């Protein structure tokens, strides 16, 4: 028989013996230096339990405390998430406002005029710079259109999309997509109201490349591509340097071929 029991009021006791059929003599157990020791006077109780008794009120309070702790943690996480979303919304709103203010302050009138011309249909040509310079007739050529030529057929599927791209510093740029739905690789373009305006854009970019070429800031320049643009003017010093380099390359190639021929004849 287990001589350790618990009273209804939560005391841990040692059963000393039975007083009668309803009452039991017990001695309370105390903790001293980490050791449980029966101590004090014996007393009589009517009810004993194998485990510490817990009242309905105590259990209810414990359950409530557990639920409170769970709900508190949940609400804490939700509040943190809401605060994060609020900070994100504020940061986004601030960024948008800053962009609009910078655009309003820095956007050049010429850029806005170009946009107005595009919307009113005054833009007739597009200048494509970079490695493959060209001037596209936006109103009378196949370049602005997506054409299906598979199997020998020619079918116009629609106009290629010209996208307007804006930066937060107020600058605007345009891009001609490869397909009419805006997909595929595209080209950065500069809209022009007429061929002469597009040619002036091309000449300006070409002269920038020429200056870099003459100053040895770039190793070469693709004159053949630029000369395909009708009306482009090649500076004399650029033409002379290009011809000298071409002649040097021709001589180096001749020398290389002669050396290879001598090796074969030997």
Protein backbone atom coordinates (compact mmCIF):
# COMPACT_ATOMS: atom_id res chain seq x y z
CA UNK A 1 0.00 0.00 0.00
CA UNK A 2 1.29 3.42 -0.94
CA UNK A 3 1.70 5.39 2.29
CA UNK A 4 2.00 8.73 0.42
CA UNK A 5 -1.31 10.47 -0.21
CA UNK A 6 -2.70 13.93 -0.80
CA UNK A 7 -5.38 15.78 1.14
CA UNK A 8 -8.25 17.64 -0.46
CA UNK A 9 -6.58 20.96 0.32
CA UNK A 10 -3.40 19.90 -1.55
CA UNK A 11 -1.11 18.76 1.26
CA UNK A 12 1.25 15.85 0.71
CA UNK A 13 1.06 13.50 3.70
CA UNK A 14 2.39 10.24 5.08
CA UNK A 15 -0.33 7.80 6.18
CA UNK A 16 0.36 6.82 9.79
CA UNK A 17 -2.68 4.59 10.28
CA UNK A 18 -6.46 4.28 10.31
CA UNK A 19 -8.36 5.88 13.19
CA UNK A 20 -11.63 4.29 12.14
CA UNK A 21 -13.49 3.35 8.99
CA UNK A 22 -13.90 7.01 7.91
CA UNK A 23 -10.85 8.76 9.35
CA UNK A 24 -7.13 8.39 8.75
CA UNK A 25 -4.18 9.60 10.82
CA UNK A 26 -1.55 11.38 8.67
CA UNK A 27 1.60 13.46 9.00
CA UNK A 28 2.41 16.28 6.56
CA UNK A 29 5.51 16.05 4.38
CA UNK A 30 7.75 19.10 4.11
CA UNK A 31 10.75 19.82 1.89
CA UNK A 32 14.06 20.59 3.62
CA UNK A 33 17.30 21.04 1.66
CA UNK A 34 15.70 19.36 -1.32
CA UNK A 35 14.59 16.34 0.72
CA UNK A 36 10.98 15.41 1.50
CA UNK A 37 10.65 14.76 5.25
CA UNK A 38 7.51 13.95 7.28
CA UNK A 39 7.34 16.50 10.05
CA UNK A 40 4.97 18.12 12.51
CA UNK A 41 2.10 16.74 14.49
CA UNK A 42 -0.18 14.01 13.26
CA UNK A 43 -3.68 14.99 12.27
CA UNK A 44 -6.84 13.31 11.15
CA UNK A 45 -8.46 13.59 7.74
CA UNK A 46 -11.51 12.03 6.18
CA UNK A 47 -10.54 12.15 2.48
CA UNK A 48 -7.27 11.19 0.81
CA UNK A 49 -6.26 11.10 -2.88
CA UNK A 50 -3.59 9.25 -4.83
CA UNK A 51 -2.75 12.46 -6.75
CA UNK A 52 -2.93 16.14 -5.84
CA UNK A 53 -6.53 17.25 -6.02
CA UNK A 54 -7.45 20.20 -8.20
CA UNK A 55 -10.66 22.12 -7.76
CA UNK A 56 -12.89 22.98 -10.68
CA UNK A 57 -12.05 26.64 -10.14
CA UNK A 58 -8.30 25.96 -10.23
CA UNK A 59 -8.60 23.87 -13.37
CA UNK A 60 -10.75 26.51 -15.04
CA UNK A 61 -8.24 29.22 -14.13
CA UNK A 62 -5.39 27.11 -15.48
CA UNK A 63 -7.26 26.49 -18.75
CA UNK A 64 -8.08 30.17 -19.03
CA UNK A 65 -4.45 31.11 -18.46
CA UNK A 66 -3.33 28.64 -21.13
CA UNK A 67 -5.86 29.99 -23.62
CA UNK A 68 -4.89 33.55 -22.74
CA UNK A 69 -1.21 32.77 -23.35
CA UNK A 70 -2.05 31.17 -26.70
CA UNK A 71 -4.29 34.04 -27.79
CA UNK A 72 -1.76 36.61 -26.60
CA UNK A 73 1.00 35.00 -28.64
CA UNK A 74 -1.29 34.81 -31.70
CA UNK A 75 -2.37 38.43 -31.35
CA UNK A 76 1.26 39.43 -30.92
CA UNK A 77 2.20 37.74 -34.18
CA UNK A 78 -0.78 39.30 -35.96
CA UNK A 79 0.12 42.75 -34.65
CA UNK A 80 3.71 42.33 -35.83
CA UNK A 81 2.47 41.26 -39.27
CA UNK A 82 0.08 44.23 -39.46
CA UNK A 83 2.85 46.59 -38.38
CA UNK A 84 5.11 45.10 -41.08
CA UNK A 85 2.40 45.58 -43.72
CA UNK A 86 1.72 49.12 -42.51
CA UNK A 87 5.42 50.00 -42.69
CA UNK A 88 5.61 48.47 -46.17
CA UNK A 89 2.53 50.43 -47.31
CA UNK A 90 3.98 53.65 -45.90
CA UNK A 91 7.36 53.02 -47.56
CA UNK A 92 5.66 52.27 -50.91
CA UNK A 93 3.49 55.36 -50.67
CA UNK A 94 6.52 57.47 -49.80
CA UNK A 95 8.51 55.98 -52.70
CA UNK A 96 5.65 56.69 -55.13
CA UNK A 97 5.30 60.24 -53.86
CA UNK A 98 9.06 60.81 -54.10
CA UNK A 99 9.10 59.45 -57.67
CA UNK A 100 6.20 61.69 -58.72
CA UNK A 101 7.82 64.73 -57.14
CA UNK A 102 11.19 64.00 -58.77
CA UNK A 103 9.50 63.38 -62.11
CA UNK A 104 7.56 66.63 -61.84
CA UNK A 105 10.73 68.50 -60.89
CA UNK A 106 13.14 66.89 -63.38
CA UNK A 107 11.09 65.87 -66.43
CA UNK A 108 12.22 67.91 -69.39
CA UNK A 109 9.68 69.70 -71.54
CA UNK A 110 11.16 68.04 -74.64
CA UNK A 111 10.38 64.59 -73.26
CA UNK A 112 6.79 65.55 -72.56
CA UNK A 113 6.55 67.10 -76.03
CA UNK A 114 7.76 63.80 -77.56
CA UNK A 115 5.09 61.94 -75.61
CA UNK A 116 2.43 64.34 -76.88
CA UNK A 117 3.66 63.88 -80.47
CA UNK A 118 3.53 60.11 -80.09
CA UNK A 119 -0.04 60.28 -78.80
CA UNK A 120 -1.08 62.64 -81.61
CA UNK A 121 0.50 60.55 -84.38
CA UNK A 122 3.26 63.01 -85.30
CA UNK A 123 6.02 60.45 -84.70
CA UNK A 124 6.97 58.93 -88.06
CA UNK A 125 10.46 57.50 -87.48
CA UNK A 126 12.37 55.65 -84.78
CA UNK A 127 16.13 55.78 -84.32
CA UNK A 128 17.76 52.59 -83.01
CA UNK A 129 21.27 53.16 -81.64
CA UNK A 130 23.84 50.79 -80.22
CA UNK A 131 25.56 47.98 -82.09
CA UNK A 132 23.07 47.82 -84.99
CA UNK A 133 22.08 51.43 -85.69
CA UNK A 134 19.17 52.07 -88.00
CA UNK A 135 16.35 54.47 -88.71
CA UNK A 136 12.93 52.84 -88.89
CA UNK A 137 10.11 54.41 -90.87
CA UNK A 138 7.32 53.94 -88.37
CA UNK A 139 4.60 54.54 -90.94
CA UNK A 140 5.89 52.90 -94.12
CA UNK A 141 8.07 49.82 -93.43
CA UNK A 142 7.71 46.25 -92.21
CA UNK A 143 9.93 46.78 -89.17
CA UNK A 144 7.18 48.09 -86.84
CA UNK A 145 4.96 45.11 -87.71
CA UNK A 146 5.02 41.52 -86.52
CA UNK A 147 5.03 39.45 -89.74
CA UNK A 148 4.65 35.68 -89.94
CA UNK A 149 6.73 34.50 -92.93
CA UNK A 150 6.95 30.80 -92.06
CA UNK A 151 6.62 28.43 -95.00
CA UNK A 152 6.84 31.21 -97.57
CA UNK A 153 3.64 32.91 -96.45
CA UNK A 154 3.50 36.54 -95.40
CA UNK A 155 0.95 37.43 -92.78
CA UNK A 156 0.82 40.62 -90.72
CA UNK A 157 -0.09 39.65 -87.16
CA UNK A 158 -0.13 43.16 -85.75
CA UNK A 159 2.03 46.13 -84.90
CA UNK A 160 4.93 45.67 -82.52
CA UNK A 161 4.40 47.24 -79.13
CA UNK A 162 6.24 50.46 -78.36
CA UNK A 163 6.59 50.67 -74.59
CA UNK A 164 7.11 53.89 -72.66
CA UNK A 165 9.52 53.39 -69.78
CA UNK A 166 9.91 55.97 -67.04
CA UNK A 167 12.59 56.33 -64.39
CA UNK A 168 12.20 57.96 -61.02
CA UNK A 169 14.61 60.74 -62.01
CA UNK A 170 12.09 62.05 -64.51
CA UNK A 171 13.60 60.63 -67.70
CA UNK A 172 11.54 58.76 -70.27
CA UNK A 173 12.62 56.09 -72.75
CA UNK A 174 10.89 54.03 -75.45
CA UNK A 175 11.33 50.39 -76.43
CA UNK A 176 10.18 48.59 -79.58
CA UNK A 177 9.19 45.00 -78.77
CA UNK A 178 10.02 42.05 -80.99
CA UNK A 179 6.39 40.86 -81.13
CA UNK A 180 3.05 42.64 -81.19
CA UNK A 181 2.16 41.38 -77.69
CA UNK A 182 5.25 42.98 -76.14
CA UNK A 183 7.18 39.72 -75.72
CA UNK A 184 10.63 38.79 -76.95
CA UNK A 185 13.77 40.89 -77.13
CA UNK A 186 13.27 44.54 -77.86
CA UNK A 187 15.22 47.58 -79.03
CA UNK A 188 15.67 50.91 -77.31
CA UNK A 189 14.39 53.55 -79.70
CA UNK A 190 14.20 57.33 -79.93
CA UNK A 191 11.01 58.69 -81.54
CA UNK A 192 11.37 61.36 -84.22
CA UNK A 193 8.90 63.52 -86.09
CA UNK A 194 10.44 62.98 -89.50
CA UNK A 195 13.54 61.42 -91.05
CA UNK A 196 15.71 64.52 -90.63
CA UNK A 197 15.11 64.56 -86.89
CA UNK A 198 15.94 60.84 -86.67
CA UNK A 199 19.08 61.42 -88.77
CA UNK A 200 20.19 64.17 -86.39
CA UNK A 201 19.82 61.72 -83.49
CA UNK A 202 21.82 59.11 -85.37
CA UNK A 203 24.56 61.59 -86.31
CA UNK A 204 24.89 62.73 -82.69
CA UNK A 205 25.32 59.18 -81.36
CA UNK A 206 27.64 58.28 -84.24
CA UNK A 207 29.89 61.26 -83.50
CA UNK A 208 30.07 60.23 -79.83
CA UNK A 209 31.33 56.81 -80.93
CA UNK A 210 33.75 58.47 -83.37
CA UNK A 211 35.22 60.63 -80.62
CA UNK A 212 35.71 57.62 -78.37
CA UNK A 213 37.27 55.73 -81.29
CA UNK A 214 39.74 58.50 -82.08
CA UNK A 215 40.67 58.82 -78.38
CA UNK A 216 41.26 55.03 -78.22
CA UNK A 217 38.47 54.68 -75.65
CA UNK A 218 36.96 52.07 -77.94
CA UNK A 219 38.98 49.65 -80.05
CA UNK A 220 36.84 49.76 -83.18
CA UNK A 221 33.82 51.27 -84.85
CA UNK A 222 31.38 49.57 -87.23
CA UNK A 223 31.39 52.05 -90.08
CA UNK A 224 29.58 49.66 -92.42
CA UNK A 225 26.50 49.61 -90.16
CA UNK A 226 26.46 53.38 -89.76
CA UNK A 227 26.95 53.99 -93.49
CA UNK A 228 23.77 52.02 -94.17
CA UNK A 229 21.88 54.99 -92.73
CA UNK A 230 21.17 57.38 -95.59
CA UNK A 231 22.66 60.80 -94.94
CA UNK A 232 25.09 59.84 -92.19
CA UNK A 233 28.36 61.81 -92.40
CA UNK A 234 31.63 60.05 -91.54
CA UNK A 235 34.39 62.42 -90.27
CA UNK A 236 37.54 62.37 -92.43
CA UNK A 237 39.88 61.52 -89.54
CA UNK A 238 37.66 58.60 -88.54
CA UNK A 239 37.62 57.31 -92.11
CA UNK A 240 41.42 57.65 -92.35
CA UNK A 241 42.06 55.80 -89.10
CA UNK A 242 39.59 53.08 -90.05
CA UNK A 243 41.27 52.61 -93.45
CA UNK A 244 44.73 52.47 -91.85
CA UNK A 245 43.58 49.79 -89.44
CA UNK A 246 41.92 47.86 -92.25
CA UNK A 247 45.12 48.03 -94.31
CA UNK A 248 47.19 46.87 -91.31
CA UNK A 249 44.84 43.95 -90.79
CA UNK A 250 45.06 43.10 -94.52
CA UNK A 251 48.87 43.07 -94.40
CA UNK A 252 48.89 40.96 -91.24
CA UNK A 253 46.55 38.48 -92.94
CA UNK A 254 48.77 38.33 -96.04
CA UNK A 255 51.82 37.71 -93.84
CA UNK A 256 50.00 34.97 -91.95
CA UNK A 257 48.91 33.26 -95.16
CA UNK A 258 52.46 33.39 -96.58
CA UNK A 259 53.86 31.82 -93.40
CA UNK A 260 51.25 29.07 -93.60
CA UNK A 261 52.07 28.50 -97.28
CA UNK A 262 55.81 28.26 -96.53
CA UNK A 263 55.12 25.67 -93.87
CA UNK A 264 53.04 23.61 -96.33
CA UNK A 265 55.71 23.83 -99.05
CA UNK A 266 58.44 22.79 -96.60
